[in-house]
Amino acid sequence: MALFSNTYYLLWSFVTSGVAIYFLLCLLIYIQSKQKSFLYYGLYNFFLLTYLNIKNPFFVVEIHQFLRTNDLISYNWFSQVIYNSMLFLFYRAFLDLEIHYPKFNNVLYRYLVVQVSFASLLFLYTIISGNHHVFNLCFFFGFIPIMSGFVIYALYIALKIPNKLGYFIVVGVILYNFFAYFSLYESFHHNIDTEPLNFFYIGIILESIVFILGLGYKVKLIYEERLNAQKNIIEEQKVNQLLRDNHQKILEKELEQKISELKSALQKSEDEKLNTIRLNFENEVNLLKLESLRSQMNPHFIFNALNSIKVYLIENNKEKAVYYLNKFSKLIRKILESSRTDSITLEEELEIIELYMSIENIRFDNTIHFKISKENDIALSSLKIPSLILQPFIENALWHGLMLKEGDKKIEILVTKAEESIELAIVDNGIGREKANENREKKTFKKDSLGIEFAKERLNYFNQKKKSKYQFTIEDLVDSTNQPAGTKVIFRFTF
């Protein structure tokens, strides 16, 4: 065995120490941040460290004797397959390929799983059989060509990543592969067996510097993104608080007016019965004042509902007034109760929607046919969903789909059970979204409807918190002549 140069001793020691430090540093950062980029880069450095220890110039004779004695010669190639696989897993996480290029991300991940599995089985075979030449052939004529192809395509993908993270990958990969392949070339044409590894060590040093800088830059981007998100939340909270304050003032003014009108009507009716109505109504008013900031219902709905109930009082239809006032109070109570928690059962949600429809239907002279249908074997009380998630879709169906429709008006909620989920469909026979958008554009004052967007954001947050896969889609219905025939919203609550 030839003697090593001082340069080789120095480079090996420097690279091995640096890789060990990178491994420990990445492991600690991953434990704190849970960022997979640091996990995979740490694993890459760990397996690279095992490979470098095979090249230890201080115990080279002992190491080679140990490998030959235990039939572990192929670990020289096996370790390279593993640490390069970990490096590609690092690329995936670092560049967020799952977001930017999901198809390529899936193909790359599956290939890496197959590659690591095959290499592990092949390594086990060489230990048992002692035939190490087969791993050598697979490494040079299988692993290197295929991974080189992935490297070239990954460089092309990296340049298209919008946040400039790809440049770190491109520079690091080019430097590493240039020196790695040059080292491989020198190993076949150099008189001294181990000296060509100096070029490989230089490539590792340069690549590590670039990738550590890239990881630092990504941490900076994540911090800035979170900081901007916090600022946006604060601004949004300020705007929402201002809207709540304005709604509170309008609500209190309207409620005071309704209280005055109700007192006037009560004086003309039976003292005892109407006095009970007044007390119940005043209790609801006090509850609304105390909890109005937490209420998720539109203040216009509260005003319109009370206005509709007032008509019954003016017409001296006390039975209907009491009936709908009780429904209104029950609806408000359920809404306030649901606002104290992030989820309620589907059974409770449907009860709220049924109460909401009974109140809104007053303004349509009870011409809307509303129905809830479900399969008998579905346990609605066991399924948790975000509270009031269905209300914006019912409201859209009423005021954008059915309000301008002539003839028969229907809204139906269908609850069915699929193979691994429960599906809930909200079907209306309104004018359709396209016609509704045209009507909205004709109006002088255009009000943006944010209910659906808020519902989508709430559902996404619920999925992240509960580890669920809830989603919804909206379909436009057409009749036999391909004319708009309503809208269908489908919720899928996956188990």
Protein backbone atom coordinates (compact mmCIF):
# COMPACT_ATOMS: atom_id res chain seq x y z
CA MET A 1 0.00 0.00 0.00
CA ALA A 2 1.47 3.34 -1.03
CA LEU A 3 2.05 6.11 1.46
CA PHE A 4 -0.37 9.02 1.51
CA SER A 5 0.61 12.61 1.01
CA ASN A 6 0.26 15.24 3.69
CA THR A 7 -2.46 16.89 1.56
CA TYR A 8 -4.55 13.74 1.68
CA TYR A 9 -4.23 13.47 5.48
CA LEU A 10 -5.21 17.11 5.86
CA LEU A 11 -8.15 16.98 3.44
CA TRP A 12 -9.53 13.73 4.87
CA SER A 13 -9.36 15.02 8.42
CA PHE A 14 -10.90 18.36 7.53
CA VAL A 15 -13.74 16.88 5.46
CA THR A 16 -14.53 14.12 7.97
CA SER A 17 -14.67 16.59 10.86
CA GLY A 18 -16.84 18.99 8.88
CA VAL A 19 -19.26 16.25 7.81
CA ALA A 20 -19.59 15.02 11.40
CA ILE A 21 -20.32 18.56 12.61
CA TYR A 22 -22.87 19.08 9.81
CA PHE A 23 -24.61 15.84 10.77
CA LEU A 24 -24.94 16.81 14.44
CA LEU A 25 -25.91 20.39 13.62
CA CYS A 26 -28.61 19.32 11.14
CA LEU A 27 -29.94 16.75 13.60
CA LEU A 28 -30.30 19.38 16.35
CA ILE A 29 -31.94 21.88 13.99
CA TYR A 30 -34.38 19.25 12.74
CA ILE A 31 -35.38 18.34 16.31
CA GLN A 32 -36.18 22.01 16.94
CA SER A 33 -37.75 23.02 13.61
CA LYS A 34 -39.08 19.71 12.13
CA GLN A 35 -37.83 20.90 8.73
CA LYS A 36 -37.25 17.80 6.58
CA SER A 37 -34.50 19.57 4.64
CA PHE A 38 -32.26 19.37 7.71
CA LEU A 39 -33.24 15.75 8.42
CA TYR A 40 -32.29 14.50 4.95
CA TYR A 41 -29.14 16.61 4.79
CA GLY A 42 -28.15 15.25 8.19
CA LEU A 43 -28.72 11.65 7.00
CA TYR A 44 -26.72 12.41 3.86
CA ASN A 45 -23.79 13.58 6.00
CA PHE A 46 -24.13 10.53 8.29
CA PHE A 47 -23.85 7.98 5.46
CA LEU A 48 -21.17 10.07 3.78
CA LEU A 49 -19.27 9.93 7.07
CA THR A 50 -19.39 6.10 7.04
CA TYR A 51 -18.03 6.13 3.50
CA LEU A 52 -15.22 8.53 4.44
CA ASN A 53 -14.21 6.33 7.36
CA ILE A 54 -13.53 3.52 4.89
CA LYS A 55 -10.91 5.84 3.37
CA ASN A 56 -9.32 6.58 6.77
CA PRO A 57 -5.59 6.96 6.00
CA PHE A 58 -4.60 6.39 9.62
CA PHE A 59 -6.03 2.84 9.80
CA VAL A 60 -6.26 1.94 6.13
CA VAL A 61 -4.73 -1.53 6.52
CA GLU A 62 -6.90 -2.47 9.48
CA ILE A 63 -10.06 -1.22 7.79
CA HIS A 64 -9.44 -3.09 4.55
CA GLN A 65 -8.59 -6.25 6.49
CA PHE A 66 -11.81 -5.91 8.50
CA LEU A 67 -13.93 -5.41 5.36
CA ARG A 68 -12.41 -8.40 3.59
CA THR A 69 -12.64 -10.64 6.65
CA ASN A 70 -16.36 -9.89 7.08
CA ASP A 71 -17.23 -9.81 3.34
CA LEU A 72 -18.14 -6.10 3.56
CA ILE A 73 -16.09 -4.93 0.59
CA SER A 74 -19.26 -3.88 -1.25
CA TYR A 75 -20.06 -1.33 1.45
CA ASN A 76 -17.74 0.99 -0.48
CA TRP A 77 -20.39 1.11 -3.25
CA PHE A 78 -23.44 0.55 -1.07
CA SER A 79 -22.68 3.58 1.12
CA GLN A 80 -22.40 5.77 -2.02
CA VAL A 81 -25.82 4.63 -3.19
CA ILE A 82 -27.34 5.44 0.22
CA TYR A 83 -25.79 8.87 0.77
CA ASN A 84 -26.59 9.94 -2.81
CA SER A 85 -30.19 8.81 -2.27
CA MET A 86 -30.35 10.87 0.93
CA LEU A 87 -28.95 13.80 -1.04
CA PHE A 88 -31.80 13.54 -3.56
CA LEU A 89 -34.33 13.39 -0.72
CA PHE A 90 -32.73 16.60 0.52
CA TYR A 91 -33.21 18.16 -2.94
CA ARG A 92 -36.93 17.25 -2.82
CA ALA A 93 -37.52 18.84 0.56
CA PHE A 94 -35.25 21.82 -0.02
CA LEU A 95 -36.90 22.80 -3.34
CA ASP A 96 -40.45 21.93 -2.17
CA LEU A 97 -40.92 19.74 -5.25
CA GLU A 98 -44.13 18.40 -3.75
CA ILE A 99 -45.64 21.86 -4.27
CA HIS A 100 -43.94 23.03 -7.47
CA TYR A 101 -43.54 19.73 -9.40
CA PRO A 102 -45.67 17.03 -7.73
CA LYS A 103 -45.44 14.52 -10.61
CA PHE A 104 -41.65 14.62 -10.79
CA ASN A 105 -41.55 14.55 -6.98
CA ASN A 106 -43.58 11.31 -6.90
CA VAL A 107 -41.52 9.67 -9.65
CA LEU A 108 -38.24 10.61 -7.94
CA TYR A 109 -39.44 9.40 -4.53
CA ARG A 110 -40.59 6.04 -5.86
CA TYR A 111 -37.33 5.54 -7.72
CA LEU A 112 -35.31 6.31 -4.59
CA VAL A 113 -37.34 3.80 -2.57
CA VAL A 114 -36.73 1.13 -5.22
CA GLN A 115 -33.05 2.05 -5.49
CA VAL A 116 -32.37 1.88 -1.75
CA SER A 117 -34.34 -1.38 -1.43
CA PHE A 118 -32.52 -2.99 -4.36
CA ALA A 119 -29.11 -1.80 -3.14
CA SER A 120 -29.81 -3.17 0.36
CA LEU A 121 -30.80 -6.59 -1.00
CA LEU A 122 -27.79 -6.61 -3.33
CA PHE A 123 -25.46 -5.70 -0.47
CA LEU A 124 -26.91 -8.52 1.63
CA TYR A 125 -26.40 -10.90 -1.30
CA THR A 126 -22.71 -9.94 -1.61
CA ILE A 127 -22.17 -10.58 2.11
CA ILE A 128 -23.72 -14.04 1.85
CA SER A 129 -22.21 -15.06 -1.50
CA GLY A 130 -18.92 -13.16 -1.38
CA ASN A 131 -19.49 -12.04 -5.00
CA HIS A 132 -18.66 -8.33 -4.73
CA HIS A 133 -18.09 -7.87 -8.45
CA VAL A 134 -21.83 -7.83 -9.14
CA PHE A 135 -22.32 -4.73 -6.95
CA ASN A 136 -19.43 -3.06 -8.75
CA LEU A 137 -21.11 -3.67 -12.12
CA CYS A 138 -24.52 -2.47 -10.93
CA PHE A 139 -22.97 0.67 -9.47
CA PHE A 140 -21.14 1.74 -12.63
CA PHE A 141 -23.65 0.57 -15.25
CA GLY A 142 -26.92 1.04 -13.36
CA PHE A 143 -26.78 3.50 -10.51
CA ILE A 144 -24.43 6.11 -12.03
CA PRO A 145 -26.18 6.41 -15.46
CA ILE A 146 -29.71 6.58 -13.98
CA MET A 147 -28.81 9.01 -11.20
CA SER A 148 -26.91 11.16 -13.70
CA GLY A 149 -30.11 11.44 -15.71
CA PHE A 150 -32.04 12.49 -12.62
CA VAL A 151 -29.30 14.99 -11.79
CA ILE A 152 -29.54 16.65 -15.21
CA TYR A 153 -33.33 16.88 -15.07
CA ALA A 154 -33.22 18.07 -11.45
CA LEU A 155 -30.90 20.90 -12.47
CA TYR A 156 -33.38 21.91 -15.16
CA ILE A 157 -36.22 21.83 -12.63
CA ALA A 158 -34.19 23.74 -10.02
CA LEU A 159 -33.63 26.67 -12.39
CA LYS A 160 -37.42 27.07 -12.72
CA ILE A 161 -38.11 27.26 -8.96
CA PRO A 162 -39.42 30.83 -8.35
CA ASN A 163 -37.78 31.58 -4.96
CA LYS A 164 -34.11 31.33 -6.13
CA LEU A 165 -33.46 28.26 -3.94
CA GLY A 166 -32.74 26.32 -7.10
CA TYR A 167 -29.54 28.29 -7.71
CA PHE A 168 -27.99 26.84 -4.56
CA ILE A 169 -28.82 23.32 -5.78
CA VAL A 170 -27.44 24.02 -9.27
CA VAL A 171 -24.15 25.45 -8.01
CA GLY A 172 -23.71 22.77 -5.31
CA VAL A 173 -24.56 19.85 -7.63
CA ILE A 174 -22.32 21.09 -10.44
CA LEU A 175 -19.34 21.58 -8.11
CA TYR A 176 -19.86 18.24 -6.37
CA ASN A 177 -20.38 16.19 -9.55
CA PHE A 178 -17.50 17.84 -11.39
CA PHE A 179 -15.00 16.93 -8.68
CA ALA A 180 -16.64 13.55 -7.98
CA TYR A 181 -16.52 12.44 -11.63
CA PHE A 182 -13.02 13.85 -12.01
CA SER A 183 -11.98 11.87 -8.95
CA LEU A 184 -13.57 8.74 -10.46
CA TYR A 185 -11.72 9.35 -13.71
CA GLU A 186 -8.41 9.84 -11.91
CA SER A 187 -8.94 6.65 -9.93
CA PHE A 188 -8.73 4.69 -13.21
CA HIS A 189 -5.72 6.58 -14.60
CA HIS A 190 -3.62 7.47 -11.55
CA ASN A 191 -0.67 5.42 -10.33
CA ILE A 192 -1.49 6.01 -6.64
CA ASP A 193 -4.69 4.30 -5.52
CA THR A 194 -6.13 6.81 -3.07
CA GLU A 195 -4.76 10.25 -4.08
CA PRO A 196 -7.61 10.97 -6.60
CA LEU A 197 -9.98 11.16 -3.65
CA ASN A 198 -8.47 14.57 -2.91
CA PHE A 199 -10.63 15.95 -5.73
CA PHE A 200 -13.68 14.23 -4.26
CA TYR A 201 -12.99 15.81 -0.86
CA ILE A 202 -12.68 19.25 -2.46
CA GLY A 203 -16.06 18.70 -4.13
CA ILE A 204 -17.63 17.77 -0.77
CA ILE A 205 -16.20 20.90 0.87
CA LEU A 206 -17.51 23.22 -1.84
CA GLU A 207 -20.89 21.49 -2.02
CA SER A 208 -21.32 21.63 1.77
CA ILE A 209 -20.55 25.35 1.85
CA VAL A 210 -23.12 26.04 -0.87
CA PHE A 211 -25.83 23.83 0.69
CA ILE A 212 -25.34 25.24 4.19
CA LEU A 213 -25.70 28.74 2.73
CA GLY A 214 -28.82 27.52 0.91
CA LEU A 215 -30.30 26.09 4.10
CA GLY A 216 -29.64 29.38 5.85
CA TYR A 217 -31.33 31.25 3.01
CA LYS A 218 -34.35 28.93 3.18
CA VAL A 219 -34.65 29.47 6.93
CA LYS A 220 -34.63 33.20 6.20
CA LEU A 221 -37.42 32.78 3.63
CA ILE A 222 -39.49 30.73 6.08
CA TYR A 223 -38.99 33.36 8.78
CA GLU A 224 -39.98 36.19 6.41
CA GLU A 225 -43.01 34.22 5.25
CA ARG A 226 -44.17 33.65 8.83
CA LEU A 227 -43.50 37.29 9.70
CA ASN A 228 -45.57 38.46 6.72
CA ALA A 229 -48.33 36.04 7.65
CA GLN A 230 -48.40 37.42 11.19
CA LYS A 231 -48.57 40.97 9.86
CA ASN A 232 -51.42 40.03 7.54
CA ILE A 233 -53.28 38.37 10.40
CA ILE A 234 -52.86 41.47 12.56
CA GLU A 235 -54.11 43.73 9.76
CA GLU A 236 -57.01 41.39 9.08
CA GLN A 237 -57.91 41.34 12.77
CA LYS A 238 -57.91 45.16 12.82
CA VAL A 239 -60.21 45.29 9.80
CA ASN A 240 -62.49 42.61 11.26
CA GLN A 241 -62.60 44.43 14.58
CA LEU A 242 -63.63 47.64 12.80
CA LEU A 243 -66.35 45.76 10.92
CA ARG A 244 -67.56 44.15 14.13
CA ASP A 245 -67.72 47.53 15.85
CA ASN A 246 -69.75 48.99 12.98
CA HIS A 247 -72.04 45.96 12.90
CA GLN A 248 -72.41 46.20 16.67
CA LYS A 249 -73.58 49.82 16.47
CA ILE A 250 -76.04 49.04 13.66
CA LEU A 251 -77.30 45.99 15.52
CA GLU A 252 -77.82 47.84 18.76
CA LYS A 253 -79.68 50.64 17.00
CA GLU A 254 -81.94 48.22 15.16
CA LEU A 255 -82.50 46.15 18.28
CA GLU A 256 -83.49 49.23 20.25
CA GLN A 257 -85.99 50.09 17.54
CA LYS A 258 -87.40 46.56 17.55
CA ILE A 259 -87.66 46.59 21.33
CA SER A 260 -89.66 49.82 21.15
CA GLU A 261 -91.94 48.39 18.45
CA LEU A 262 -92.39 45.17 20.37
CA LYS A 263 -93.31 47.03 23.57
CA SER A 264 -95.89 49.03 21.63
CA ALA A 265 -97.40 45.86 20.18
CA LEU A 266 -97.39 44.08 23.53
CA GLN A 267 -99.48 46.86 25.11
CA LYS A 268 -102.31 46.08 22.65
CA SER A 269 -102.38 42.33 23.33
CA GLU A 270 -102.85 39.96 26.22
CA ASP A 271 -100.71 41.19 29.09
CA GLU A 272 -99.44 37.91 30.45
CA LYS A 273 -98.68 36.12 27.18
CA LEU A 274 -97.12 39.12 25.45
CA ASN A 275 -95.17 39.99 28.60
CA THR A 276 -93.55 36.52 28.40
CA ILE A 277 -92.63 37.18 24.77
CA ARG A 278 -91.11 40.52 25.74
CA LEU A 279 -88.99 38.96 28.51
CA ASN A 280 -87.75 36.18 26.22
CA PHE A 281 -86.94 38.68 23.51
CA GLU A 282 -85.09 40.98 25.92
CA ASN A 283 -83.04 38.01 27.15
CA GLU A 284 -82.06 37.27 23.53
CA VAL A 285 -81.15 40.92 23.06
CA ASN A 286 -78.89 40.87 26.12
CA LEU A 287 -77.28 37.65 24.94
CA LEU A 288 -76.65 39.18 21.52
CA LYS A 289 -75.09 42.26 23.11
CA LEU A 290 -72.76 40.16 25.28
CA GLU A 291 -71.67 37.76 22.55
CA SER A 292 -72.10 39.81 19.36
CA LEU A 293 -68.36 39.89 18.66
CA ARG A 294 -68.31 36.08 18.61
CA SER A 295 -71.36 35.71 16.43
CA GLN A 296 -70.65 34.46 12.91
CA MET A 297 -74.02 35.37 11.43
CA ASN A 298 -74.45 38.34 9.10
CA PRO A 299 -76.02 41.31 10.98
CA HIS A 300 -78.26 41.87 7.96
CA PHE A 301 -79.74 38.43 8.51
CA ILE A 302 -80.56 39.27 12.15
CA PHE A 303 -82.17 42.54 11.09
CA ASN A 304 -84.18 40.94 8.29
CA ALA A 305 -85.28 38.03 10.48
CA LEU A 306 -86.56 40.37 13.20
CA ASN A 307 -88.19 42.55 10.58
CA SER A 308 -90.05 39.52 9.20
CA ILE A 309 -91.21 38.51 12.71
CA LYS A 310 -92.35 42.09 13.28
CA VAL A 311 -94.75 41.76 10.35
CA TYR A 312 -96.57 38.95 12.15
CA LEU A 313 -96.88 41.16 15.22
CA ILE A 314 -98.21 44.04 13.17
CA GLU A 315 -100.73 41.69 11.54
CA ASN A 316 -101.64 40.50 15.06
CA ASN A 317 -100.62 36.95 14.13
CA LYS A 318 -99.25 36.23 17.58
CA GLU A 319 -98.96 32.46 17.17
CA LYS A 320 -96.64 32.71 14.17
CA ALA A 321 -94.72 35.54 15.84
CA VAL A 322 -94.13 33.42 18.93
CA TYR A 323 -93.34 30.35 16.80
CA TYR A 324 -90.71 32.07 14.67
CA LEU A 325 -89.34 34.09 17.56
CA ASN A 326 -88.70 30.85 19.44
CA LYS A 327 -86.99 29.42 16.35
CA PHE A 328 -84.93 32.59 16.02
CA SER A 329 -83.84 32.46 19.66
CA LYS A 330 -82.98 28.75 19.35
CA LEU A 331 -80.93 29.46 16.22
CA ILE A 332 -78.98 32.29 17.90
CA ARG A 333 -78.32 30.13 20.95
CA LYS A 334 -76.98 27.25 18.86
CA ILE A 335 -74.78 29.64 16.85
CA LEU A 336 -73.31 31.15 20.00
CA GLU A 337 -72.73 27.71 21.50
CA SER A 338 -71.01 26.48 18.34
CA SER A 339 -68.78 29.57 18.21
CA ARG A 340 -67.14 28.49 21.47
CA THR A 341 -65.62 25.40 19.87
CA ASP A 342 -63.83 24.69 16.60
CA SER A 343 -66.03 21.71 15.70
CA ILE A 344 -69.54 20.35 16.14
CA THR A 345 -71.27 17.16 15.01
CA LEU A 346 -72.88 16.93 11.59
CA GLU A 347 -76.19 16.35 13.35
CA GLU A 348 -75.90 19.68 15.19
CA GLU A 349 -74.83 21.45 12.00
CA LEU A 350 -77.90 20.21 10.11
CA GLU A 351 -80.15 21.33 12.99
CA ILE A 352 -78.68 24.83 12.72
CA ILE A 353 -79.16 24.87 8.93
CA GLU A 354 -82.77 23.71 9.31
CA LEU A 355 -83.47 26.55 11.78
CA TYR A 356 -81.67 29.02 9.53
CA MET A 357 -83.78 27.97 6.52
CA SER A 358 -87.03 28.23 8.45
CA ILE A 359 -86.19 31.85 9.33
CA GLU A 360 -84.92 32.82 5.85
CA ASN A 361 -87.93 31.17 4.19
CA ILE A 362 -90.20 33.76 5.81
CA ARG A 363 -88.85 36.35 3.38
CA PHE A 364 -89.64 34.02 0.50
CA ASP A 365 -93.24 33.55 1.76
CA ASN A 366 -92.27 29.94 2.55
CA THR A 367 -92.11 29.12 -1.17
CA ILE A 368 -88.75 27.33 -0.98
CA HIS A 369 -89.02 23.58 -0.62
CA PHE A 370 -86.23 22.60 1.77
CA LYS A 371 -85.45 18.97 2.56
CA ILE A 372 -82.72 16.99 4.35
CA SER A 373 -82.31 13.35 3.31
CA LYS A 374 -79.86 10.80 4.68
CA GLU A 375 -79.18 7.10 4.60
CA ASN A 376 -80.36 5.26 7.71
CA ASP A 377 -77.00 3.71 8.65
CA ILE A 378 -75.14 7.04 8.92
CA ALA A 379 -74.37 8.17 12.48
CA LEU A 380 -74.49 11.95 12.13
CA SER A 381 -73.61 12.46 15.79
CA SER A 382 -70.22 10.73 15.43
CA LEU A 383 -68.85 12.94 12.62
CA LYS A 384 -67.13 16.17 13.69
CA ILE A 385 -66.97 19.09 11.23
CA PRO A 386 -66.11 22.83 11.49
CA SER A 387 -69.04 24.75 12.96
CA LEU A 388 -71.29 26.68 10.51
CA ILE A 389 -69.32 25.41 7.50
CA LEU A 390 -72.51 24.80 5.45
CA GLN A 391 -74.24 28.14 6.10
CA PRO A 392 -72.37 30.23 3.42
CA PHE A 393 -73.35 27.72 0.71
CA ILE A 394 -77.03 27.74 1.77
CA GLU A 395 -76.95 31.53 1.81
CA ASN A 396 -75.44 31.63 -1.71
CA ALA A 397 -78.10 29.23 -2.97
CA LEU A 398 -80.84 31.45 -1.52
CA TRP A 399 -79.72 34.91 -2.53
CA HIS A 400 -77.77 34.25 -5.72
CA GLY A 401 -79.48 31.15 -7.09
CA LEU A 402 -83.17 31.18 -6.04
CA MET A 403 -84.02 34.83 -5.37
CA LEU A 404 -84.33 35.72 -9.08
CA LYS A 405 -85.71 32.33 -10.15
CA GLU A 406 -89.33 31.99 -11.16
CA GLY A 407 -91.46 28.94 -10.47
CA ASP A 408 -90.60 26.02 -8.23
CA LYS A 409 -87.67 26.65 -5.84
CA LYS A 410 -85.85 23.83 -4.09
CA ILE A 411 -82.88 23.25 -1.82
CA GLU A 412 -82.07 19.70 -0.80
CA ILE A 413 -79.30 18.33 1.40
CA LEU A 414 -78.39 14.69 0.67
CA VAL A 415 -76.17 12.74 3.07
CA THR A 416 -74.81 9.47 1.71
CA LYS A 417 -72.09 7.02 2.68
CA ALA A 418 -69.24 6.23 0.28
CA GLU A 419 -66.51 3.59 0.65
CA GLU A 420 -64.21 5.57 2.96
CA SER A 421 -66.12 8.81 3.46
CA ILE A 422 -69.45 10.48 4.06
CA GLU A 423 -70.67 12.72 1.25
CA LEU A 424 -72.98 15.67 1.78
CA ALA A 425 -74.50 17.36 -1.27
CA ILE A 426 -76.29 20.73 -1.27
CA VAL A 427 -78.43 20.86 -4.43
CA ASP A 428 -80.50 23.83 -5.59
CA ASN A 429 -82.44 24.44 -8.79
CA GLY A 430 -81.50 28.12 -9.05
CA ILE A 431 -80.29 30.17 -12.00
CA GLY A 432 -76.70 28.88 -11.77
CA ARG A 433 -73.40 30.58 -11.02
CA GLU A 434 -72.87 32.04 -14.50
CA LYS A 435 -76.21 33.86 -14.50
CA ALA A 436 -75.72 34.96 -10.90
CA ASN A 437 -72.34 36.49 -11.79
CA GLU A 438 -73.93 38.35 -14.70
CA ASN A 439 -76.58 39.80 -12.39
CA ARG A 440 -73.93 40.82 -9.90
CA GLU A 441 -71.96 42.67 -12.61
CA LYS A 442 -75.04 44.66 -13.56
CA LYS A 443 -75.37 46.07 -10.07
CA THR A 444 -73.94 49.52 -9.36
CA PHE A 445 -72.69 48.38 -5.97
CA LYS A 446 -70.81 45.10 -6.13
CA LYS A 447 -70.25 43.29 -2.85
CA ASP A 448 -67.53 40.66 -2.79
CA SER A 449 -68.71 37.33 -1.44
CA LEU A 450 -66.01 36.00 0.84
CA GLY A 451 -68.08 33.27 2.51
CA ILE A 452 -66.85 30.48 0.24
CA GLU A 453 -63.20 31.56 0.55
CA PHE A 454 -63.49 31.73 4.33
CA ALA A 455 -65.10 28.26 4.32
CA LYS A 456 -62.21 26.90 2.26
CA GLU A 457 -59.61 28.43 4.58
CA ARG A 458 -61.42 27.12 7.67
CA LEU A 459 -61.64 23.64 6.14
CA ASN A 460 -57.91 23.68 5.32
CA TYR A 461 -57.06 24.78 8.87
CA PHE A 462 -59.37 22.07 10.28
CA ASN A 463 -57.66 19.43 8.11
CA GLN A 464 -54.21 20.49 9.33
CA LYS A 465 -55.25 20.52 12.98
CA LYS A 466 -57.30 17.30 12.98
CA LYS A 467 -55.20 15.43 10.37
CA SER A 468 -58.34 14.95 8.27
CA LYS A 469 -58.96 15.12 4.51
CA TYR A 470 -62.20 17.07 4.25
CA GLN A 471 -62.87 18.87 0.97
CA PHE A 472 -65.66 20.25 -1.18
CA THR A 473 -66.33 20.83 -4.88
CA ILE A 474 -68.91 22.92 -6.70
CA GLU A 475 -70.66 21.65 -9.85
CA ASP A 476 -72.89 23.56 -12.28
CA LEU A 477 -76.03 21.61 -13.16
CA VAL A 478 -77.62 21.74 -16.63
CA ASP A 479 -80.88 20.43 -18.04
CA SER A 480 -81.48 18.34 -21.15
CA THR A 481 -81.05 21.44 -23.36
CA ASN A 482 -77.71 22.24 -21.74
CA GLN A 483 -79.20 25.26 -19.94
CA PRO A 484 -78.25 26.12 -16.34
CA ALA A 485 -80.40 24.13 -13.90
CA GLY A 486 -78.85 24.96 -10.53
CA THR A 487 -75.76 24.29 -8.47
CA LYS A 488 -74.47 21.30 -6.52
CA VAL A 489 -71.93 21.57 -3.69
CA ILE A 490 -70.40 18.24 -2.65
CA PHE A 491 -68.60 17.84 0.70
CA ARG A 492 -66.47 14.72 1.20
CA PHE A 493 -65.69 13.93 4.83
CA THR A 494 -63.01 11.21 4.55
CA PHE A 495 -62.59 8.91 7.53
